[in-house]
Amino acid sequence: MKKQRRQQQEASISFLDVISCGFGAIVLLLIIAKIGEPAILEDAERQLEGSVRDYQERLFEIRGETVVLDKRLKSRKQQLSDLTERIARLQEKLASVAKQSRELSQSQAIEKQNLQLVLQVLTEEMQRLLGPEFEQKNQLVGGIPADSDYIIFVIDTSGSMQSAAWPKVQAEMLNILDVYPEVKGIQVLNDMGQFMFTEFQNQWIPDSSDMRKKITSKLANWAPFSNSSPVEGIENAIKVFYKVDRKISIYTLGDDFQGNSIQRVIKVIDTLNKANQNDDRLVRIHAIGFPVHLRPGVNPNQSAMRFAALMRELSYNNGGTFIGLNSLE
């Protein structure tokens, strides 16, 4: 029995020796393996710290860009909101204007119908009073017959007209042109018989909206020499442009007459502008007097009174109308 126990104890001690040697070898291997590890760890740690810094810097940049983009987005949203409100207001105004336009169109249509009814009633009444053979012979606009196919302006371009009455001259010329929506020819001379457009000298200026604009535009700075007497301009207009088949009106615009004899002028014009068998003159002569020398509180200027007397007589004798303006405003 004792012999057997001794053998078991020896075997147990050997096993412990083997285990101890094994653990010792493992520890030795671990010690040997960790000799070069600190340098690798330091390099890895530095690389990791560098990467962390790079990512942090990029993160800060992204955050800054995000703030800027947020501000821009808010600004764009505000602009979009303002534009949306403005569009809404404009749409409201447009709807209001469209509504007013429809109402105005309806009102105009009703007024037109009413005017047509009134015109029909007046026409029937005139036929009843004057008979079915009645026919209106003249078209009068502001007291001036507007029945001509050709119109000629004879304009006093003297210093007194240029300095005091020229804006009114331009306005009255536009008014006269408006009386004639369309004519076969226009011509513009000054009181000395000089043509406004030399390229249309002794020929008619073709009527068009563009040409009317050119005439009124050039009139603003047109200032040829003038002797304050419309005689030469009227004579030149009749001699150059009259023909049997033309219905012509001459419009004389001026403020005074510096000539020697009113009767001589009337006689000369009567010789040129002869009456036919129906007692109609070759051309109509109208006149507009501008009160440059006839102002309140100032003694009447003799040359202005002579112009009024001359043009009243000429217009009366030549189938026209004389209008004396009360103001230059």
Protein backbone atom coordinates (compact mmCIF):
# COMPACT_ATOMS: atom_id res chain seq x y z
CA MET A 1 0.00 0.00 0.00
CA LYS A 2 2.68 2.57 0.86
CA LYS A 3 4.48 1.90 -2.39
CA GLN A 4 1.48 2.89 -4.43
CA ARG A 5 1.02 6.29 -2.73
CA ARG A 6 4.62 7.21 -3.40
CA GLN A 7 4.18 6.66 -7.09
CA GLN A 8 1.12 8.94 -7.26
CA GLN A 9 2.92 11.79 -5.48
CA GLU A 10 5.81 11.65 -7.93
CA ALA A 11 3.46 11.86 -10.84
CA SER A 12 1.70 14.94 -9.37
CA ILE A 13 4.95 16.83 -8.88
CA SER A 14 6.00 16.22 -12.49
CA PHE A 15 2.71 17.58 -13.79
CA LEU A 16 3.12 20.73 -11.74
CA ASP A 17 6.62 21.18 -13.08
CA VAL A 18 5.40 20.92 -16.63
CA ILE A 19 2.63 23.43 -16.00
CA SER A 20 5.02 25.85 -14.31
CA CYS A 21 7.48 25.65 -17.16
CA GLY A 22 4.67 26.27 -19.65
CA PHE A 23 3.47 29.37 -17.86
CA GLY A 24 7.03 30.57 -17.53
CA ALA A 25 7.56 30.18 -21.25
CA ILE A 26 4.39 32.11 -22.00
CA VAL A 27 5.40 34.96 -19.71
CA LEU A 28 8.85 35.04 -21.31
CA LEU A 29 7.29 35.17 -24.76
CA LEU A 30 5.02 38.05 -23.71
CA ILE A 31 7.95 39.98 -22.32
CA ILE A 32 9.95 39.44 -25.51
CA ALA A 33 6.93 40.47 -27.70
CA LYS A 34 6.37 43.81 -25.89
CA ILE A 35 9.88 45.11 -26.43
CA GLY A 36 9.04 46.99 -29.76
CA GLU A 37 5.36 47.79 -28.96
CA PRO A 38 5.69 51.33 -27.40
CA ALA A 39 7.13 52.91 -30.62
CA ILE A 40 4.34 51.46 -32.76
CA LEU A 41 1.75 52.61 -30.27
CA GLU A 42 3.19 56.14 -30.22
CA ASP A 43 3.12 56.36 -34.05
CA ALA A 44 -0.41 55.04 -34.12
CA GLU A 45 -1.43 57.50 -31.41
CA ARG A 46 0.12 60.46 -33.30
CA GLN A 47 -1.62 59.45 -36.51
CA LEU A 48 -4.86 59.08 -34.65
CA GLU A 49 -4.47 62.52 -33.01
CA GLY A 50 -3.68 64.09 -36.42
CA SER A 51 -6.75 62.48 -37.97
CA VAL A 52 -8.88 63.65 -35.05
CA ARG A 53 -7.61 67.23 -35.49
CA ASP A 54 -8.27 67.12 -39.24
CA TYR A 55 -11.79 65.85 -38.65
CA GLN A 56 -12.38 68.47 -35.97
CA GLU A 57 -11.20 71.27 -38.30
CA ARG A 58 -13.39 69.94 -41.09
CA LEU A 59 -16.28 69.72 -38.66
CA PHE A 60 -15.79 73.34 -37.62
CA GLU A 61 -15.65 74.40 -41.31
CA ILE A 62 -18.84 72.48 -42.03
CA ARG A 63 -20.53 74.06 -39.03
CA GLY A 64 -19.46 77.55 -40.26
CA GLU A 65 -20.73 76.81 -43.76
CA THR A 66 -23.95 75.53 -42.25
CA VAL A 67 -24.44 78.79 -40.35
CA VAL A 68 -23.85 80.82 -43.52
CA LEU A 69 -26.20 78.61 -45.52
CA ASP A 70 -28.82 78.88 -42.81
CA LYS A 71 -28.60 82.68 -42.97
CA ARG A 72 -28.88 82.61 -46.76
CA LEU A 73 -31.81 80.24 -46.57
CA LYS A 74 -33.59 82.51 -44.11
CA SER A 75 -32.89 85.53 -46.36
CA ARG A 76 -34.21 83.68 -49.42
CA LYS A 77 -37.29 82.60 -47.49
CA GLN A 78 -37.91 86.21 -46.43
CA GLN A 79 -37.48 87.42 -50.03
CA LEU A 80 -39.80 84.69 -51.25
CA SER A 81 -42.35 85.69 -48.64
CA ASP A 82 -42.09 89.37 -49.68
CA LEU A 83 -42.45 88.45 -53.35
CA THR A 84 -45.41 86.25 -52.59
CA GLU A 85 -47.11 89.09 -50.72
CA ARG A 86 -46.31 91.53 -53.55
CA ILE A 87 -47.70 89.13 -56.14
CA ALA A 88 -50.83 88.73 -54.06
CA ARG A 89 -51.25 92.54 -53.85
CA LEU A 90 -50.65 92.92 -57.59
CA GLN A 91 -53.15 90.17 -58.32
CA GLU A 92 -55.69 91.99 -56.17
CA LYS A 93 -54.99 95.27 -58.02
CA LEU A 94 -55.20 93.47 -61.36
CA ALA A 95 -58.51 91.94 -60.40
CA SER A 96 -59.76 95.37 -59.29
CA VAL A 97 -58.59 97.02 -62.52
CA ALA A 98 -60.13 94.24 -64.58
CA LYS A 99 -63.38 94.68 -62.71
CA GLN A 100 -63.29 98.46 -63.25
CA SER A 101 -62.49 97.91 -66.93
CA ARG A 102 -65.45 95.59 -67.32
CA GLU A 103 -67.70 98.03 -65.53
CA LEU A 104 -66.38 100.90 -67.67
CA SER A 105 -66.88 98.89 -70.85
CA GLN A 106 -70.41 98.08 -69.82
CA SER A 107 -71.03 101.73 -68.94
CA GLN A 108 -69.61 102.90 -72.27
CA ALA A 109 -71.70 100.35 -74.13
CA ILE A 110 -74.82 101.60 -72.35
CA GLU A 111 -73.88 105.24 -73.02
CA LYS A 112 -73.22 104.42 -76.68
CA GLN A 113 -76.63 102.81 -76.97
CA ASN A 114 -78.21 105.82 -75.29
CA LEU A 115 -76.36 108.21 -77.62
CA GLN A 116 -77.44 106.20 -80.62
CA LEU A 117 -81.02 106.40 -79.44
CA VAL A 118 -80.70 110.15 -78.86
CA LEU A 119 -79.10 110.61 -82.29
CA GLN A 120 -81.86 108.60 -83.90
CA VAL A 121 -84.52 110.67 -82.15
CA LEU A 122 -82.77 113.94 -83.12
CA THR A 123 -82.39 112.80 -86.70
CA GLU A 124 -86.05 111.88 -86.92
CA GLU A 125 -87.00 115.22 -85.35
CA MET A 126 -84.75 117.15 -87.77
CA GLN A 127 -86.26 115.30 -90.72
CA ARG A 128 -89.71 116.07 -89.40
CA LEU A 129 -88.91 119.76 -88.97
CA LEU A 130 -86.72 120.33 -92.03
CA GLY A 131 -88.12 117.74 -94.40
CA PRO A 132 -86.62 114.56 -95.87
CA GLU A 133 -84.47 116.56 -98.34
CA PHE A 134 -82.38 118.13 -95.53
CA GLU A 135 -78.65 117.39 -95.62
CA GLN A 136 -75.99 118.92 -93.39
CA LYS A 137 -73.52 120.73 -95.64
CA ASN A 138 -70.64 121.51 -93.29
CA GLN A 139 -68.83 119.73 -90.49
CA LEU A 140 -68.00 122.27 -87.80
CA VAL A 141 -65.45 121.57 -85.07
CA GLY A 142 -65.05 124.41 -82.58
CA GLY A 143 -66.67 126.75 -85.09
CA ILE A 144 -64.18 125.84 -87.85
CA PRO A 145 -65.38 123.82 -90.89
CA ALA A 146 -63.35 120.59 -91.04
CA ASP A 147 -64.28 119.55 -94.57
CA SER A 148 -60.88 119.88 -96.33
CA ASP A 149 -58.67 117.12 -97.71
CA TYR A 150 -55.50 119.23 -97.55
CA ILE A 151 -54.33 121.59 -94.79
CA ILE A 152 -51.60 124.24 -94.80
CA PHE A 153 -50.21 126.00 -91.75
CA VAL A 154 -48.86 129.55 -92.12
CA ILE A 155 -47.14 130.35 -88.82
CA ASP A 156 -45.72 133.65 -87.58
CA THR A 157 -42.19 132.77 -86.39
CA SER A 158 -41.31 136.25 -85.12
CA GLY A 159 -39.50 136.85 -81.84
CA SER A 160 -42.64 137.86 -79.96
CA MET A 161 -44.35 134.59 -80.89
CA GLN A 162 -41.25 132.54 -80.07
CA SER A 163 -40.72 134.13 -76.66
CA ALA A 164 -44.29 134.37 -75.41
CA ALA A 165 -46.65 132.14 -77.37
CA TRP A 166 -44.70 129.17 -78.71
CA PRO A 167 -45.96 126.48 -76.28
CA LYS A 168 -49.52 127.63 -77.02
CA VAL A 169 -48.77 127.56 -80.77
CA GLN A 170 -47.67 123.93 -80.49
CA ALA A 171 -50.78 123.03 -78.48
CA GLU A 172 -53.14 124.72 -80.95
CA MET A 173 -51.42 123.04 -83.87
CA LEU A 174 -52.00 119.65 -82.24
CA ASN A 175 -55.65 120.59 -81.69
CA ILE A 176 -56.04 121.46 -85.37
CA LEU A 177 -54.38 118.21 -86.46
CA ASP A 178 -56.71 116.29 -84.16
CA VAL A 179 -59.68 117.87 -85.98
CA TYR A 180 -58.42 116.14 -89.14
CA PRO A 181 -57.76 112.46 -88.28
CA GLU A 182 -56.67 111.80 -91.85
CA VAL A 183 -55.96 114.09 -94.81
CA LYS A 184 -54.39 113.67 -98.23
CA GLY A 185 -51.60 116.16 -97.60
CA ILE A 186 -50.11 118.59 -95.08
CA GLN A 187 -47.75 121.53 -95.49
CA VAL A 188 -46.13 123.95 -93.00
CA LEU A 189 -44.80 127.41 -93.96
CA ASN A 190 -43.83 130.43 -91.95
CA ASP A 191 -45.41 133.81 -92.61
CA MET A 192 -42.61 134.61 -95.11
CA GLY A 193 -43.50 131.54 -97.20
CA GLN A 194 -40.49 129.46 -96.10
CA PHE A 195 -41.08 125.69 -95.86
CA MET A 196 -40.50 123.81 -92.62
CA PHE A 197 -39.17 120.76 -94.54
CA THR A 198 -37.02 121.74 -97.51
CA GLU A 199 -37.20 118.18 -98.87
CA PHE A 200 -40.97 118.70 -99.32
CA GLN A 201 -40.70 122.18 -100.82
CA ASN A 202 -43.53 122.87 -103.31
CA GLN A 203 -45.06 119.43 -102.68
CA TRP A 204 -47.41 117.90 -100.13
CA ILE A 205 -46.12 116.21 -97.02
CA PRO A 206 -47.75 112.73 -96.87
CA ASP A 207 -49.99 112.36 -93.84
CA SER A 208 -49.07 109.74 -91.22
CA SER A 209 -48.81 109.53 -87.46
CA ASP A 210 -44.99 109.49 -87.68
CA MET A 211 -44.94 112.55 -89.95
CA ARG A 212 -47.26 114.43 -87.61
CA LYS A 213 -44.87 113.66 -84.76
CA LYS A 214 -41.95 114.96 -86.85
CA ILE A 215 -43.86 118.17 -87.61
CA THR A 216 -44.69 118.89 -83.97
CA SER A 217 -41.18 117.90 -82.89
CA LYS A 218 -39.49 120.24 -85.38
CA LEU A 219 -41.92 123.04 -84.56
CA ALA A 220 -40.47 123.21 -81.04
CA ASN A 221 -37.18 124.67 -82.36
CA TRP A 222 -38.25 126.07 -85.73
CA ALA A 223 -37.46 129.80 -85.89
CA PRO A 224 -36.80 131.19 -89.40
CA PHE A 225 -36.82 134.94 -89.98
CA SER A 226 -40.25 136.61 -89.91
CA ASN A 227 -41.55 140.08 -90.74
CA SER A 228 -44.77 139.57 -88.72
CA SER A 229 -46.99 139.64 -91.80
CA PRO A 230 -48.85 136.53 -93.03
CA VAL A 231 -49.28 137.87 -96.57
CA GLU A 232 -46.27 136.18 -98.20
CA GLY A 233 -47.06 132.81 -96.61
CA ILE A 234 -50.72 132.85 -97.71
CA GLU A 235 -49.80 133.98 -101.23
CA ASN A 236 -47.17 131.24 -101.59
CA ALA A 237 -49.58 128.58 -100.29
CA ILE A 238 -52.31 129.50 -102.80
CA LYS A 239 -49.96 129.87 -105.79
CA VAL A 240 -48.10 126.60 -105.22
CA PHE A 241 -50.75 124.20 -103.96
CA TYR A 242 -54.15 125.17 -105.34
CA LYS A 243 -55.75 122.91 -107.94
CA VAL A 244 -59.35 122.59 -108.99
CA ASP A 245 -59.85 119.12 -107.52
CA ARG A 246 -58.35 119.98 -104.10
CA LYS A 247 -60.27 121.08 -101.01
CA ILE A 248 -57.68 123.11 -99.09
CA SER A 249 -57.76 124.94 -95.77
CA ILE A 250 -55.08 127.43 -94.72
CA TYR A 251 -54.58 128.01 -90.98
CA THR A 252 -52.80 131.26 -90.15
CA LEU A 253 -51.31 131.50 -86.64
CA GLY A 254 -49.97 134.87 -85.51
CA ASP A 255 -50.05 137.75 -83.02
CA ASP A 256 -49.59 140.99 -84.97
CA PHE A 257 -49.44 142.57 -88.43
CA GLN A 258 -46.56 144.92 -89.29
CA GLY A 259 -47.63 145.57 -92.88
CA ASN A 260 -48.55 148.99 -94.29
CA SER A 261 -52.07 148.44 -95.59
CA ILE A 262 -54.80 146.00 -94.57
CA GLN A 263 -56.86 146.83 -97.67
CA ARG A 264 -53.97 146.07 -100.00
CA VAL A 265 -53.52 142.62 -98.43
CA ILE A 266 -57.24 141.87 -98.73
CA LYS A 267 -57.22 142.94 -102.37
CA VAL A 268 -54.17 140.79 -103.21
CA ILE A 269 -55.67 137.71 -101.55
CA ASP A 270 -59.04 138.30 -103.26
CA THR A 271 -57.21 138.37 -106.61
CA LEU A 272 -55.47 135.07 -105.91
CA ASN A 273 -58.28 133.26 -104.08
CA LYS A 274 -61.05 133.92 -106.56
CA ALA A 275 -64.63 132.82 -106.03
CA ASN A 276 -66.27 130.35 -108.43
CA GLN A 277 -69.80 130.47 -109.80
CA ASN A 278 -71.14 129.14 -106.50
CA ASP A 279 -69.39 131.99 -104.68
CA ASP A 280 -66.98 129.49 -103.07
CA ARG A 281 -63.33 130.49 -102.77
CA LEU A 282 -60.49 128.34 -104.06
CA VAL A 283 -59.22 127.72 -100.52
CA ARG A 284 -60.54 128.40 -97.04
CA ILE A 285 -58.52 130.76 -94.87
CA HIS A 286 -58.79 130.35 -91.08
CA ALA A 287 -56.88 132.32 -88.47
CA ILE A 288 -56.00 132.03 -84.79
CA GLY A 289 -54.84 135.15 -82.96
CA PHE A 290 -52.51 134.81 -79.96
CA PRO A 291 -52.83 137.58 -77.33
CA VAL A 292 -49.11 138.29 -77.00
CA HIS A 293 -49.65 142.06 -77.20
CA LEU A 294 -53.14 142.13 -75.68
CA ARG A 295 -52.75 141.65 -71.95
CA PRO A 296 -54.93 142.77 -69.06
CA GLY A 297 -53.87 146.14 -67.67
CA VAL A 298 -51.81 147.03 -70.77
CA ASN A 299 -52.94 149.37 -73.54
CA PRO A 300 -53.85 147.41 -76.70
CA ASN A 301 -51.00 147.15 -79.16
CA GLN A 302 -51.87 148.65 -82.55
CA SER A 303 -50.13 145.92 -84.54
CA ALA A 304 -52.10 143.24 -82.64
CA MET A 305 -55.37 145.05 -83.33
CA ARG A 306 -54.41 145.36 -87.01
CA PHE A 307 -53.75 141.60 -87.16
CA ALA A 308 -57.18 140.86 -85.66
CA ALA A 309 -58.87 143.23 -88.11
CA LEU A 310 -56.98 141.77 -91.08
CA MET A 311 -57.62 138.12 -90.21
CA ARG A 312 -61.30 138.69 -89.40
CA GLU A 313 -61.75 140.20 -92.85
CA LEU A 314 -59.70 137.56 -94.65
CA SER A 315 -61.41 134.62 -92.93
CA TYR A 316 -64.85 136.13 -93.54
CA ASN A 317 -64.16 136.76 -97.23
CA ASN A 318 -62.54 133.36 -97.79
CA GLY A 319 -65.01 130.98 -96.16
CA GLY A 320 -63.04 130.56 -92.95
CA THR A 321 -63.20 131.39 -89.26
CA PHE A 322 -61.13 133.72 -87.08
CA ILE A 323 -60.57 132.74 -83.44
CA GLY A 324 -58.99 135.17 -80.99
CA LEU A 325 -57.56 133.40 -77.95
CA ASN A 326 -58.16 134.90 -74.52
CA SER A 327 -55.06 133.50 -72.87
CA LEU A 328 -51.68 131.93 -73.59
CA GLU A 329 -52.12 129.37 -70.83
